[in-house]
C-alpha atoms as a PDB file:
ATOM      1  CA  MET A   1     169.543 111.217 -22.569  1.00  0.00           C
ATOM      2  CA  GLU A   2     171.509 108.629 -24.476  1.00  0.00           C
ATOM      3  CA  LYS A   3     172.506 108.881 -28.113  1.00  0.00           C
ATOM      4  CA  LEU A   4     171.046 106.422 -30.596  1.00  0.00           C
ATOM      5  CA  ASN A   5     173.463 104.026 -32.263  1.00  0.00           C
ATOM      6  CA  ILE A   6     173.084 105.023 -35.910  1.00  0.00           C
ATOM      7  CA  LYS A   7     174.023 101.617 -37.382  1.00  0.00           C
ATOM      8  CA  ARG A   8     171.786  99.649 -35.008  1.00  0.00           C
ATOM      9  CA  PHE A   9     168.812 101.919 -35.547  1.00  0.00           C
ATOM     10  CA  GLY A  10     169.338 101.687 -39.312  1.00  0.00           C
ATOM     11  CA  VAL A  11     169.431  97.886 -39.143  1.00  0.00           C
ATOM     12  CA  ALA A  12     166.296  97.864 -36.964  1.00  0.00           C
ATOM     13  CA  VAL A  13     164.319 100.010 -39.410  1.00  0.00           C
ATOM     14  CA  GLY A  14     165.680  98.150 -42.451  1.00  0.00           C
ATOM     15  CA  SER A  15     164.884  94.749 -40.937  1.00  0.00           C
ATOM     16  CA  THR A  16     161.380  95.872 -40.020  1.00  0.00           C
ATOM     17  CA  GLY A  17     160.761  97.031 -43.587  1.00  0.00           C
ATOM     18  CA  ALA A  18     162.135  93.786 -45.026  1.00  0.00           C
ATOM     19  CA  LEU A  19     159.948  91.708 -42.673  1.00  0.00           C
ATOM     20  CA  LEU A  20     156.887  93.692 -43.717  1.00  0.00           C
ATOM     21  CA  TYR A  21     157.835  93.051 -47.354  1.00  0.00           C
ATOM     22  CA  VAL A  22     158.100  89.308 -46.682  1.00  0.00           C
ATOM     23  CA  GLY A  23     154.742  89.506 -44.883  1.00  0.00           C
ATOM     24  CA  CYS A  24     153.194  91.004 -48.012  1.00  0.00           C
ATOM     25  CA  ILE A  25     154.672  88.186 -50.093  1.00  0.00           C
ATOM     26  CA  LEU A  26     153.228  85.569 -47.731  1.00  0.00           C
ATOM     27  CA  LEU A  27     149.858  87.320 -47.766  1.00  0.00           C
ATOM     28  CA  MET A  28     149.761  87.296 -51.550  1.00  0.00           C
ATOM     29  CA  ILE A  29     150.750  83.620 -51.704  1.00  0.00           C
ATOM     30  CA  THR A  30     148.215  82.471 -49.114  1.00  0.00           C
ATOM     31  CA  VAL A  31     145.081  84.497 -49.876  1.00  0.00           C
ATOM     32  CA  GLY A  32     145.383  84.965 -53.640  1.00  0.00           C
ATOM     33  CA  ARG A  33     144.455  87.970 -55.767  1.00  0.00           C
ATOM     34  CA  GLU A  34     141.004  88.674 -54.345  1.00  0.00           C
ATOM     35  CA  GLY A  35     142.162  88.342 -50.732  1.00  0.00           C
ATOM     36  CA  THR A  36     145.155  90.592 -51.416  1.00  0.00           C
ATOM     37  CA  ILE A  37     142.919  93.224 -53.009  1.00  0.00           C
ATOM     38  CA  TRP A  38     140.494  93.030 -50.074  1.00  0.00           C
ATOM     39  CA  PHE A  39     143.323  93.357 -47.532  1.00  0.00           C
ATOM     40  CA  PHE A  40     144.978  96.365 -49.141  1.00  0.00           C
ATOM     41  CA  ASN A  41     141.652  98.064 -49.907  1.00  0.00           C
ATOM     42  CA  SER A  42     140.775  97.661 -46.215  1.00  0.00           C
ATOM     43  CA  LEU A  43     144.178  98.921 -45.107  1.00  0.00           C
ATOM     44  CA  LEU A  44     144.146 101.901 -47.470  1.00  0.00           C
ATOM     45  CA  HIS A  45     140.480 102.806 -46.870  1.00  0.00           C
ATOM     46  CA  GLY A  46     139.093 104.654 -49.853  1.00  0.00           C
ATOM     47  CA  LEU A  47     141.833 103.622 -52.269  1.00  0.00           C
ATOM     48  CA  ASP A  48     141.033 100.883 -54.786  1.00  0.00           C
ATOM     49  CA  THR A  49     144.130  98.745 -55.360  1.00  0.00           C
ATOM     50  CA  THR A  50     142.532  96.419 -57.924  1.00  0.00           C
ATOM     51  CA  SER A  51     144.376  97.898 -60.909  1.00  0.00           C
ATOM     52  CA  ILE A  52     147.826  97.948 -59.269  1.00  0.00           C
ATOM     53  CA  ILE A  53     147.965  94.482 -57.659  1.00  0.00           C
ATOM     54  CA  ARG A  54     150.291  92.261 -59.681  1.00  0.00           C
ATOM     55  CA  MET A  55     150.386  88.604 -58.719  1.00  0.00           C
ATOM     56  CA  ASP A  56     152.940  87.362 -61.267  1.00  0.00           C
ATOM     57  CA  VAL A  57     156.067  88.787 -59.608  1.00  0.00           C
ATOM     58  CA  PRO A  58     159.201  86.794 -60.473  1.00  0.00           C
ATOM     59  CA  VAL A  59     161.236  85.427 -57.557  1.00  0.00           C
ATOM     60  CA  TRP A  60     164.321  87.464 -58.519  1.00  0.00           C
ATOM     61  CA  GLN A  61     162.249  90.639 -58.440  1.00  0.00           C
ATOM     62  CA  ALA A  62     160.816  89.809 -55.004  1.00  0.00           C
ATOM     63  CA  ILE A  63     164.317  89.158 -53.625  1.00  0.00           C
ATOM     64  CA  LEU A  64     165.571  92.404 -55.136  1.00  0.00           C
ATOM     65  CA  GLY A  65     162.592  94.184 -53.538  1.00  0.00           C
ATOM     66  CA  ILE A  66     163.467  92.777 -50.111  1.00  0.00           C
ATOM     67  CA  VAL A  67     167.077  93.935 -50.482  1.00  0.00           C
ATOM     68  CA  GLN A  68     166.046  97.386 -51.744  1.00  0.00           C
ATOM     69  CA  THR A  69     163.542  97.782 -48.925  1.00  0.00           C
ATOM     70  CA  PHE A  70     166.202  96.870 -46.352  1.00  0.00           C
ATOM     71  CA  ILE A  71     168.703  99.351 -47.814  1.00  0.00           C
ATOM     72  CA  LEU A  72     166.139 102.150 -47.993  1.00  0.00           C
ATOM     73  CA  GLY A  73     164.999 101.370 -44.454  1.00  0.00           C
ATOM     74  CA  TRP A  74     168.589 101.363 -43.216  1.00  0.00           C
ATOM     75  CA  LEU A  75     169.212 104.763 -44.789  1.00  0.00           C
ATOM     76  CA  ILE A  76     165.994 106.174 -43.311  1.00  0.00           C
ATOM     77  CA  GLY A  77     166.792 104.749 -39.865  1.00  0.00           C
ATOM     78  CA  ALA A  78     170.345 106.098 -39.966  1.00  0.00           C
ATOM     79  CA  LEU A  79     169.050 109.519 -40.956  1.00  0.00           C
ATOM     80  CA  ILE A  80     166.471 109.525 -38.156  1.00  0.00           C
ATOM     81  CA  ALA A  81     169.101 108.504 -35.592  1.00  0.00           C
ATOM     82  CA  SER A  82     171.534 111.136 -36.882  1.00  0.00           C
ATOM     83  CA  VAL A  83     168.961 113.919 -36.679  1.00  0.00           C
ATOM     84  CA  TYR A  84     167.931 112.721 -33.209  1.00  0.00           C
ATOM     85  CA  ASN A  85     171.555 112.753 -32.016  1.00  0.00           C
ATOM     86  CA  ILE A  86     172.123 116.239 -33.449  1.00  0.00           C
ATOM     87  CA  GLY A  87     169.004 117.399 -31.620  1.00  0.00           C
ATOM     88  CA  LEU A  88     170.404 115.994 -28.373  1.00  0.00           C
ATOM     89  CA  LYS A  89     173.633 117.947 -28.820  1.00  0.00           C
ATOM     90  CA  GLN A  90     171.771 121.184 -29.483  1.00  0.00           C
ATOM     91  CA  GLY A  91     169.417 120.594 -26.550  1.00  0.00           C
ATOM     92  CA  ASN A  92     172.357 120.284 -24.130  1.00  0.00           C
ATOM     93  CA  SER A  93     173.846 123.663 -25.102  1.00  0.00           C
END
């Protein structure tokens, strides 16, 4: 089996997280508060998100959230790839 490229896998996971974050922003802009609540209540079946949905997020905070999500995703992806590669080494012994 081939090793995973740690940097590429990190970028893939980070980019996916950032795209999902942007998708949430677009959802909130297009469907409004009630649509956002309905969507997340449907997604998180049994959890009422009414009290935690905040629609007045400043642009700077949304941009910072995208960046933070990418960085966290990159770190998670790099960790997953590292653990996977270590497992490959141990499996070949």
